[in-house]
Amino acid sequence: MKRALPVYGARRDAMLQALRQSMPAPVTWTSPAGGLCCWLTLPRRRALADLPQRLMEHGWAAAPGEVFLAQPVANQHLRLSFGNLPPDAMRRGVETLARIVREQLALPANEPADVMANGSDWTPLV
């Protein structure tokens, strides 16, 4: 534990710093005191619905938060793990994610049709 805590603490801090530096408003995130994941909260916009897939096209993966929730909520979430990457790689991943989020948020919103009313457009197989 004495060796692991500083390693994971540095990784968590690197992710939080990258999120602060890169992520656009109105995206928010948790600052975990334990565990190995950080949760992002995104506005529920159809343009962001396929964010995990777009991220994978750039070589990164993030878990859609909805697969961890018992019932859909008003916002979209992503679960980001900081336990398996060194800080430099994590920064690059967060920068890529932030760039994709900015691009998607810049697309015209056709409210209220753009707002996803009742859950996402996919069904998890878990």
C-alpha atoms as a PDB file:
ATOM      1  CA  MET A   1       0.000   0.000   0.000  1.00  0.00           C
ATOM      2  CA  LYS A   2       2.797   2.409   0.821  1.00  0.00           C
ATOM      3  CA  ARG A   3       4.144   2.083  -2.716  1.00  0.00           C
ATOM      4  CA  ALA A   4       0.762   1.983  -4.475  1.00  0.00           C
ATOM      5  CA  LEU A   5      -0.894   5.024  -2.903  1.00  0.00           C
ATOM      6  CA  PRO A   6       1.611   7.598  -4.236  1.00  0.00           C
ATOM      7  CA  VAL A   7       1.459   6.077  -7.736  1.00  0.00           C
ATOM      8  CA  TYR A   8      -2.339   6.146  -7.930  1.00  0.00           C
ATOM      9  CA  GLY A   9      -2.501   9.536  -6.219  1.00  0.00           C
ATOM     10  CA  ALA A  10      -0.180  10.993  -8.874  1.00  0.00           C
ATOM     11  CA  ARG A  11      -2.296   9.449 -11.620  1.00  0.00           C
ATOM     12  CA  ARG A  12      -5.489  10.855 -10.109  1.00  0.00           C
ATOM     13  CA  ASP A  13      -3.903  14.283  -9.771  1.00  0.00           C
ATOM     14  CA  ALA A  14      -2.680  14.162 -13.387  1.00  0.00           C
ATOM     15  CA  MET A  15      -6.182  13.323 -14.614  1.00  0.00           C
ATOM     16  CA  LEU A  16      -7.777  16.110 -12.560  1.00  0.00           C
ATOM     17  CA  GLN A  17      -5.208  18.626 -13.780  1.00  0.00           C
ATOM     18  CA  ALA A  18      -5.755  17.565 -17.411  1.00  0.00           C
ATOM     19  CA  LEU A  19      -9.525  17.881 -16.968  1.00  0.00           C
ATOM     20  CA  ARG A  20      -9.168  21.381 -15.478  1.00  0.00           C
ATOM     21  CA  GLN A  21      -6.873  22.475 -18.296  1.00  0.00           C
ATOM     22  CA  SER A  22      -8.687  20.884 -21.227  1.00  0.00           C
ATOM     23  CA  MET A  23     -12.358  20.242 -20.622  1.00  0.00           C
ATOM     24  CA  PRO A  24     -14.878  22.842 -21.829  1.00  0.00           C
ATOM     25  CA  ALA A  25     -17.835  24.132 -19.864  1.00  0.00           C
ATOM     26  CA  PRO A  26     -20.457  22.821 -19.064  1.00  0.00           C
ATOM     27  CA  VAL A  27     -18.646  19.508 -18.427  1.00  0.00           C
ATOM     28  CA  THR A  28     -18.058  18.734 -14.748  1.00  0.00           C
ATOM     29  CA  TRP A  29     -16.288  15.871 -12.989  1.00  0.00           C
ATOM     30  CA  THR A  30     -15.767  14.274  -9.624  1.00  0.00           C
ATOM     31  CA  SER A  31     -12.624  14.649  -7.561  1.00  0.00           C
ATOM     32  CA  PRO A  32     -12.348  11.152  -6.081  1.00  0.00           C
ATOM     33  CA  ALA A  33     -10.980  10.639  -2.583  1.00  0.00           C
ATOM     34  CA  GLY A  34     -10.841   6.886  -3.175  1.00  0.00           C
ATOM     35  CA  GLY A  35     -11.137   4.377  -5.965  1.00  0.00           C
ATOM     36  CA  LEU A  36      -9.564   4.529  -9.395  1.00  0.00           C
ATOM     37  CA  CYS A  37     -12.209   6.341 -11.455  1.00  0.00           C
ATOM     38  CA  CYS A  38     -13.373   9.837 -12.160  1.00  0.00           C
ATOM     39  CA  TRP A  39     -16.909  10.551 -13.363  1.00  0.00           C
ATOM     40  CA  LEU A  40     -17.613  13.189 -16.004  1.00  0.00           C
ATOM     41  CA  THR A  41     -21.044  14.766 -16.293  1.00  0.00           C
ATOM     42  CA  LEU A  42     -21.938  16.049 -19.756  1.00  0.00           C
ATOM     43  CA  PRO A  43     -25.028  17.873 -20.942  1.00  0.00           C
ATOM     44  CA  ARG A  44     -27.540  15.485 -22.509  1.00  0.00           C
ATOM     45  CA  ARG A  45     -27.174  16.408 -26.148  1.00  0.00           C
ATOM     46  CA  ARG A  46     -27.628  14.002 -29.027  1.00  0.00           C
ATOM     47  CA  ALA A  47     -24.266  15.177 -30.421  1.00  0.00           C
ATOM     48  CA  LEU A  48     -22.559  13.684 -27.344  1.00  0.00           C
ATOM     49  CA  ALA A  49     -24.496  10.395 -27.347  1.00  0.00           C
ATOM     50  CA  ASP A  50     -21.832   8.552 -29.308  1.00  0.00           C
ATOM     51  CA  LEU A  51     -18.895  10.078 -27.445  1.00  0.00           C
ATOM     52  CA  PRO A  52     -17.456   6.708 -26.306  1.00  0.00           C
ATOM     53  CA  GLN A  53     -17.497   5.474 -29.911  1.00  0.00           C
ATOM     54  CA  ARG A  54     -15.869   8.660 -31.231  1.00  0.00           C
ATOM     55  CA  LEU A  55     -13.216   8.401 -28.553  1.00  0.00           C
ATOM     56  CA  MET A  56     -12.475   4.811 -29.573  1.00  0.00           C
ATOM     57  CA  GLU A  57     -11.961   5.982 -33.163  1.00  0.00           C
ATOM     58  CA  HIS A  58      -9.027   7.994 -31.775  1.00  0.00           C
ATOM     59  CA  GLY A  59      -7.571   5.065 -29.850  1.00  0.00           C
ATOM     60  CA  TRP A  60      -9.023   5.786 -26.387  1.00  0.00           C
ATOM     61  CA  ALA A  61     -11.811   4.183 -24.401  1.00  0.00           C
ATOM     62  CA  ALA A  62     -14.159   5.515 -21.734  1.00  0.00           C
ATOM     63  CA  ALA A  63     -17.085   3.671 -20.202  1.00  0.00           C
ATOM     64  CA  PRO A  64     -20.524   5.227 -20.718  1.00  0.00           C
ATOM     65  CA  GLY A  65     -21.820   5.984 -17.247  1.00  0.00           C
ATOM     66  CA  GLU A  66     -25.305   4.736 -18.021  1.00  0.00           C
ATOM     67  CA  VAL A  67     -24.150   1.111 -17.873  1.00  0.00           C
ATOM     68  CA  PHE A  68     -23.387   1.652 -14.165  1.00  0.00           C
ATOM     69  CA  LEU A  69     -26.747   3.286 -13.313  1.00  0.00           C
ATOM     70  CA  ALA A  70     -29.957   1.499 -12.385  1.00  0.00           C
ATOM     71  CA  GLN A  71     -32.115   4.143 -14.071  1.00  0.00           C
ATOM     72  CA  PRO A  72     -31.412   6.810 -16.721  1.00  0.00           C
ATOM     73  CA  VAL A  73     -30.708  10.313 -15.462  1.00  0.00           C
ATOM     74  CA  ALA A  74     -30.989  13.769 -17.031  1.00  0.00           C
ATOM     75  CA  ASN A  75     -27.296  14.062 -17.917  1.00  0.00           C
ATOM     76  CA  GLN A  76     -24.823  11.849 -19.704  1.00  0.00           C
ATOM     77  CA  HIS A  77     -21.843  10.461 -17.818  1.00  0.00           C
ATOM     78  CA  LEU A  78     -18.486   8.950 -18.640  1.00  0.00           C
ATOM     79  CA  ARG A  79     -16.424   6.863 -16.282  1.00  0.00           C
ATOM     80  CA  LEU A  80     -12.694   7.458 -16.696  1.00  0.00           C
ATOM     81  CA  SER A  81     -10.165   5.197 -15.039  1.00  0.00           C
ATOM     82  CA  PHE A  82      -6.847   6.652 -13.932  1.00  0.00           C
ATOM     83  CA  GLY A  83      -5.520   3.395 -12.523  1.00  0.00           C
ATOM     84  CA  ASN A  84      -3.933   1.913 -15.606  1.00  0.00           C
ATOM     85  CA  LEU A  85      -2.165   4.759 -17.442  1.00  0.00           C
ATOM     86  CA  PRO A  86       0.921   6.798 -16.672  1.00  0.00           C
ATOM     87  CA  PRO A  87       0.274  10.547 -16.270  1.00  0.00           C
ATOM     88  CA  ASP A  88       1.580  11.590 -19.715  1.00  0.00           C
ATOM     89  CA  ALA A  89      -0.629   9.116 -21.550  1.00  0.00           C
ATOM     90  CA  MET A  90      -3.589  10.117 -19.401  1.00  0.00           C
ATOM     91  CA  ARG A  91      -3.092  13.781 -20.284  1.00  0.00           C
ATOM     92  CA  ARG A  92      -3.081  12.921 -23.995  1.00  0.00           C
ATOM     93  CA  GLY A  93      -6.274  10.906 -23.576  1.00  0.00           C
ATOM     94  CA  VAL A  94      -8.068  13.696 -21.701  1.00  0.00           C
ATOM     95  CA  GLU A  95      -6.919  16.249 -24.296  1.00  0.00           C
ATOM     96  CA  THR A  96      -8.335  14.040 -27.059  1.00  0.00           C
ATOM     97  CA  LEU A  97     -11.602  13.627 -25.167  1.00  0.00           C
ATOM     98  CA  ALA A  98     -11.856  17.387 -24.553  1.00  0.00           C
ATOM     99  CA  ARG A  99     -11.235  18.151 -28.237  1.00  0.00           C
ATOM    100  CA  ILE A 100     -13.999  15.740 -29.296  1.00  0.00           C
ATOM    101  CA  VAL A 101     -16.395  17.196 -26.698  1.00  0.00           C
ATOM    102  CA  ARG A 102     -15.685  20.752 -27.926  1.00  0.00           C
ATOM    103  CA  GLU A 103     -16.246  19.700 -31.543  1.00  0.00           C
ATOM    104  CA  GLN A 104     -19.520  17.989 -30.690  1.00  0.00           C
ATOM    105  CA  LEU A 105     -20.776  20.877 -28.540  1.00  0.00           C
ATOM    106  CA  ALA A 106     -20.048  23.266 -31.412  1.00  0.00           C
ATOM    107  CA  LEU A 107     -22.543  21.464 -33.642  1.00  0.00           C
ATOM    108  CA  PRO A 108     -25.890  23.247 -33.977  1.00  0.00           C
ATOM    109  CA  ALA A 109     -28.381  22.229 -31.338  1.00  0.00           C
ATOM    110  CA  ASN A 110     -31.933  21.684 -32.486  1.00  0.00           C
ATOM    111  CA  GLU A 111     -33.682  22.048 -29.155  1.00  0.00           C
ATOM    112  CA  PRO A 112     -35.796  20.337 -27.976  1.00  0.00           C
ATOM    113  CA  ALA A 113     -35.189  17.548 -30.528  1.00  0.00           C
ATOM    114  CA  ASP A 114     -31.490  17.593 -29.707  1.00  0.00           C
ATOM    115  CA  VAL A 115     -32.129  16.853 -26.053  1.00  0.00           C
ATOM    116  CA  MET A 116     -32.276  13.137 -25.408  1.00  0.00           C
ATOM    117  CA  ALA A 117     -35.508  12.707 -23.532  1.00  0.00           C
ATOM    118  CA  ASN A 118     -35.430   9.254 -22.028  1.00  0.00           C
ATOM    119  CA  GLY A 119     -32.095   7.501 -22.002  1.00  0.00           C
ATOM    120  CA  SER A 120     -29.517   6.787 -24.619  1.00  0.00           C
ATOM    121  CA  ASP A 121     -29.850   5.347 -28.121  1.00  0.00           C
ATOM    122  CA  TRP A 122     -28.078   2.086 -27.283  1.00  0.00           C
ATOM    123  CA  THR A 123     -28.649  -0.892 -25.051  1.00  0.00           C
ATOM    124  CA  PRO A 124     -25.748  -2.302 -23.066  1.00  0.00           C
ATOM    125  CA  LEU A 125     -25.159  -6.040 -23.200  1.00  0.00           C
ATOM    126  CA  VAL A 126     -24.133  -6.445 -19.560  1.00  0.00           C
END
